[in-house]
C-alpha atoms as a PDB file:
ATOM      1  CA  MET A   1     150.265-191.555  73.522  1.00  0.00           C
ATOM      2  CA  THR A   2     148.008-189.810  71.020  1.00  0.00           C
ATOM      3  CA  ASP A   3     144.332-189.349  70.676  1.00  0.00           C
ATOM      4  CA  ASP A   4     142.127-188.126  67.819  1.00  0.00           C
ATOM      5  CA  ARG A   5     142.651-184.436  68.730  1.00  0.00           C
ATOM      6  CA  THR A   6     146.460-184.503  68.703  1.00  0.00           C
ATOM      7  CA  PRO A   7     147.983-184.073  65.229  1.00  0.00           C
ATOM      8  CA  THR A   8     150.696-186.418  64.199  1.00  0.00           C
ATOM      9  CA  THR A   9     153.563-185.853  61.778  1.00  0.00           C
ATOM     10  CA  ASP A  10     153.346-189.283  60.224  1.00  0.00           C
ATOM     11  CA  PRO A  11     150.745-189.916  57.527  1.00  0.00           C
ATOM     12  CA  PRO A  12     148.183-192.554  58.255  1.00  0.00           C
ATOM     13  CA  ALA A  13     149.244-196.093  57.526  1.00  0.00           C
ATOM     14  CA  GLY A  14     148.886-197.126  53.895  1.00  0.00           C
ATOM     15  CA  THR A  15     149.113-193.534  52.508  1.00  0.00           C
ATOM     16  CA  ARG A  16     152.896-193.198  52.271  1.00  0.00           C
ATOM     17  CA  PRO A  17     154.255-192.447  48.756  1.00  0.00           C
ATOM     18  CA  PRO A  18     156.441-195.058  47.113  1.00  0.00           C
ATOM     19  CA  ALA A  19     160.162-194.794  47.871  1.00  0.00           C
ATOM     20  CA  ASP A  20     161.060-193.912  44.258  1.00  0.00           C
ATOM     21  CA  ARG A  21     158.759-190.818  44.185  1.00  0.00           C
ATOM     22  CA  PRO A  22     159.328-187.745  46.399  1.00  0.00           C
ATOM     23  CA  PRO A  23     156.569-186.888  48.816  1.00  0.00           C
ATOM     24  CA  ALA A  24     154.047-184.252  47.727  1.00  0.00           C
ATOM     25  CA  PRO A  25     154.363-180.841  49.384  1.00  0.00           C
ATOM     26  CA  PRO A  26     151.983-180.028  52.194  1.00  0.00           C
ATOM     27  CA  ALA A  27     148.589-178.741  51.100  1.00  0.00           C
ATOM     28  CA  ASP A  28     149.268-175.187  52.329  1.00  0.00           C
ATOM     29  CA  ARG A  29     152.492-174.896  50.203  1.00  0.00           C
ATOM     30  CA  ALA A  30     150.940-176.403  47.090  1.00  0.00           C
ATOM     31  CA  THR A  31     148.662-173.393  46.565  1.00  0.00           C
ATOM     32  CA  THR A  32     151.248-170.647  47.195  1.00  0.00           C
ATOM     33  CA  PRO A  33     153.978-170.346  44.573  1.00  0.00           C
ATOM     34  CA  GLY A  34     157.449-169.621  45.804  1.00  0.00           C
ATOM     35  CA  PRO A  35     161.018-169.720  44.662  1.00  0.00           C
ATOM     36  CA  PRO A  36     162.672-173.097  44.190  1.00  0.00           C
ATOM     37  CA  ALA A  37     164.700-174.316  47.121  1.00  0.00           C
ATOM     38  CA  GLY A  38     168.036-172.551  47.417  1.00  0.00           C
ATOM     39  CA  ARG A  39     167.085-169.589  45.190  1.00  0.00           C
ATOM     40  CA  PRO A  40     166.173-166.086  46.362  1.00  0.00           C
ATOM     41  CA  ALA A  41     162.679-164.800  45.770  1.00  0.00           C
ATOM     42  CA  PRO A  42     162.257-162.532  42.730  1.00  0.00           C
ATOM     43  CA  LEU A  43     161.968-158.808  43.441  1.00  0.00           C
ATOM     44  CA  SER A  44     158.567-158.568  41.798  1.00  0.00           C
ATOM     45  CA  VAL A  45     156.416-160.787  39.691  1.00  0.00           C
ATOM     46  CA  ALA A  46     154.349-157.889  38.349  1.00  0.00           C
ATOM     47  CA  PRO A  47     155.662-155.654  35.549  1.00  0.00           C
ATOM     48  CA  PRO A  48     156.562-152.092  36.531  1.00  0.00           C
ATOM     49  CA  PRO A  49     153.781-149.543  36.158  1.00  0.00           C
ATOM     50  CA  ALA A  50     153.650-147.628  32.897  1.00  0.00           C
ATOM     51  CA  PRO A  51     154.399-143.901  33.100  1.00  0.00           C
ATOM     52  CA  ARG A  52     151.285-141.775  33.106  1.00  0.00           C
ATOM     53  CA  ARG A  53     150.561-139.140  30.529  1.00  0.00           C
ATOM     54  CA  PRO A  54     150.677-135.648  32.033  1.00  0.00           C
ATOM     55  CA  ALA A  55     147.289-134.034  32.618  1.00  0.00           C
ATOM     56  CA  VAL A  56     148.440-130.667  31.267  1.00  0.00           C
ATOM     57  CA  PRO A  57     151.307-129.707  28.947  1.00  0.00           C
ATOM     58  CA  PRO A  58     154.485-128.338  30.545  1.00  0.00           C
ATOM     59  CA  ARG A  59     154.631-124.582  31.172  1.00  0.00           C
ATOM     60  CA  HIS A  60     158.140-124.235  29.792  1.00  0.00           C
ATOM     61  CA  PRO A  61     159.920-126.103  27.002  1.00  0.00           C
ATOM     62  CA  THR A  62     161.646-129.214  28.234  1.00  0.00           C
ATOM     63  CA  ASP A  63     164.454-128.861  25.676  1.00  0.00           C
ATOM     64  CA  ARG A  64     165.908-125.429  26.212  1.00  0.00           C
ATOM     65  CA  ARG A  65     167.737-123.976  23.235  1.00  0.00           C
ATOM     66  CA  ARG A  66     170.823-121.900  23.595  1.00  0.00           C
ATOM     67  CA  PRO A  67     170.162-118.383  22.334  1.00  0.00           C
ATOM     68  CA  ASP A  68     173.609-118.198  20.754  1.00  0.00           C
ATOM     69  CA  ARG A  69     173.114-121.239  18.477  1.00  0.00           C
ATOM     70  CA  ILE A  70     171.347-121.446  15.125  1.00  0.00           C
ATOM     71  CA  ALA A  71     171.037-124.524  12.933  1.00  0.00           C
ATOM     72  CA  GLY A  72     169.993-124.565   9.307  1.00  0.00           C
ATOM     73  CA  ARG A  73     170.999-124.849   5.662  1.00  0.00           C
ATOM     74  CA  ILE A  74     173.398-122.479   3.922  1.00  0.00           C
ATOM     75  CA  THR A  75     171.658-120.643   1.049  1.00  0.00           C
ATOM     76  CA  ARG A  76     174.530-118.277   0.195  1.00  0.00           C
ATOM     77  CA  GLY A  77     177.899-119.908   0.688  1.00  0.00           C
ATOM     78  CA  GLY A  78     181.415-119.201  -0.414  1.00  0.00           C
ATOM     79  CA  ASP A  79     184.655-117.898   1.074  1.00  0.00           C
ATOM     80  CA  GLY A  80     182.901-115.381   3.357  1.00  0.00           C
ATOM     81  CA  PRO A  81     182.741-113.198   5.262  1.00  0.00           C
ATOM     82  CA  CYS A  82     179.003-113.140   4.339  1.00  0.00           C
ATOM     83  CA  TYR A  83     176.767-116.202   4.271  1.00  0.00           C
ATOM     84  CA  GLY A  84     173.014-116.834   4.074  1.00  0.00           C
ATOM     85  CA  LEU A  85     171.199-119.373   6.242  1.00  0.00           C
ATOM     86  CA  VAL A  86     167.593-120.602   6.426  1.00  0.00           C
ATOM     87  CA  THR A  87     166.376-122.583   9.461  1.00  0.00           C
ATOM     88  CA  ASP A  88     163.901-125.478   9.344  1.00  0.00           C
ATOM     89  CA  ASP A  89     161.081-123.129  10.331  1.00  0.00           C
ATOM     90  CA  GLY A  90     161.864-120.837   7.374  1.00  0.00           C
ATOM     91  CA  HIS A  91     163.601-117.977   9.223  1.00  0.00           C
ATOM     92  CA  GLU A  92     166.341-116.376   7.112  1.00  0.00           C
ATOM     93  CA  TYR A  93     169.598-115.055   8.578  1.00  0.00           C
ATOM     94  CA  ALA A  94     172.373-112.948   7.063  1.00  0.00           C
ATOM     95  CA  LEU A  95     175.562-114.235   8.677  1.00  0.00           C
ATOM     96  CA  HIS A  96     178.770-112.201   8.900  1.00  0.00           C
ATOM     97  CA  GLY A  97     182.024-113.698  10.130  1.00  0.00           C
ATOM     98  CA  PRO A  98     185.470-112.922   8.772  1.00  0.00           C
ATOM     99  CA  GLY A  99     188.036-115.716   8.651  1.00  0.00           C
ATOM    100  CA  LEU A 100     185.594-118.643   8.906  1.00  0.00           C
ATOM    101  CA  GLY A 101     186.662-120.322   5.690  1.00  0.00           C
ATOM    102  CA  THR A 102     184.676-121.698   2.796  1.00  0.00           C
ATOM    103  CA  VAL A 103     181.179-123.054   3.406  1.00  0.00           C
ATOM    104  CA  ALA A 104     179.365-124.778   0.528  1.00  0.00           C
ATOM    105  CA  THR A 105     175.825-123.805  -0.454  1.00  0.00           C
ATOM    106  CA  GLY A 106     173.380-126.488   0.692  1.00  0.00           C
ATOM    107  CA  SER A 107     175.467-127.538   3.726  1.00  0.00           C
ATOM    108  CA  THR A 108     173.652-128.137   6.990  1.00  0.00           C
ATOM    109  CA  VAL A 109     175.432-126.185   9.697  1.00  0.00           C
ATOM    110  CA  LEU A 110     175.386-125.312  13.377  1.00  0.00           C
ATOM    111  CA  VAL A 111     176.304-121.671  13.892  1.00  0.00           C
ATOM    112  CA  THR A 112     177.461-120.059  17.124  1.00  0.00           C
ATOM    113  CA  VAL A 113     176.516-116.387  16.957  1.00  0.00           C
ATOM    114  CA  ASP A 114     177.681-113.360  18.909  1.00  0.00           C
ATOM    115  CA  PRO A 115     174.605-111.325  19.822  1.00  0.00           C
ATOM    116  CA  ALA A 116     176.757-108.440  21.100  1.00  0.00           C
ATOM    117  CA  ALA A 117     178.635-107.940  17.811  1.00  0.00           C
ATOM    118  CA  THR A 118     177.278-105.416  15.335  1.00  0.00           C
ATOM    119  CA  PRO A 119     177.018-107.428  12.106  1.00  0.00           C
ATOM    120  CA  ALA A 120     177.664-106.028   8.657  1.00  0.00           C
ATOM    121  CA  ALA A 121     174.974-105.909   6.001  1.00  0.00           C
ATOM    122  CA  CYS A 122     175.219-109.263   4.266  1.00  0.00           C
ATOM    123  CA  GLY A 123     171.994-109.427   2.276  1.00  0.00           C
ATOM    124  CA  PRO A 124     168.426-110.437   3.124  1.00  0.00           C
ATOM    125  CA  GLY A 125     167.601-111.896   6.524  1.00  0.00           C
ATOM    126  CA  THR A 126     168.191-111.093  10.161  1.00  0.00           C
ATOM    127  CA  PRO A 127     171.820-109.910  10.477  1.00  0.00           C
ATOM    128  CA  VAL A 128     173.961-111.771  13.023  1.00  0.00           C
ATOM    129  CA  GLY A 129     177.667-111.909  13.773  1.00  0.00           C
ATOM    130  CA  VAL A 130     179.229-115.380  13.609  1.00  0.00           C
ATOM    131  CA  VAL A 131     181.766-116.800  16.057  1.00  0.00           C
ATOM    132  CA  ARG A 132     181.975-120.320  14.565  1.00  0.00           C
ATOM    133  CA  ILE A 133     180.355-122.416  11.817  1.00  0.00           C
ATOM    134  CA  SER A 134     180.344-126.205  12.161  1.00  0.00           C
ATOM    135  CA  VAL A 135     179.281-128.216   9.118  1.00  0.00           C
ATOM    136  CA  VAL A 136     176.984-131.052  10.204  1.00  0.00           C
ATOM    137  CA  ARG A 137     176.652-132.643   6.742  1.00  0.00           C
END
């Protein structure tokens, strides 16, 4: 027995959808999107937040350079033991390293230096002793 205040689960007579069309979702589900049946809900529908720009620059360099490495272009090459090198910022070095082989003028190199070694006078530039020269190109 039902009265006007008791809800029923059946739609009123004459408002049923045809048998060939599925019934419409309830009104409360029609306005809230959700995952299709049988699929998990997505983690987030919003894109991740963009990283913020720092308010002040960092106090220390973020890319620390090794003090025993120098990169640059060979200006005085040959069989050694003396070589000349100029870095991208224009600093000139006089490299000294016996037994390192032939390095062509104009080569871009990465040099491992020995700050404790007393270098020989090899021309203009800051004198440094060389442990290894690696030709980059």
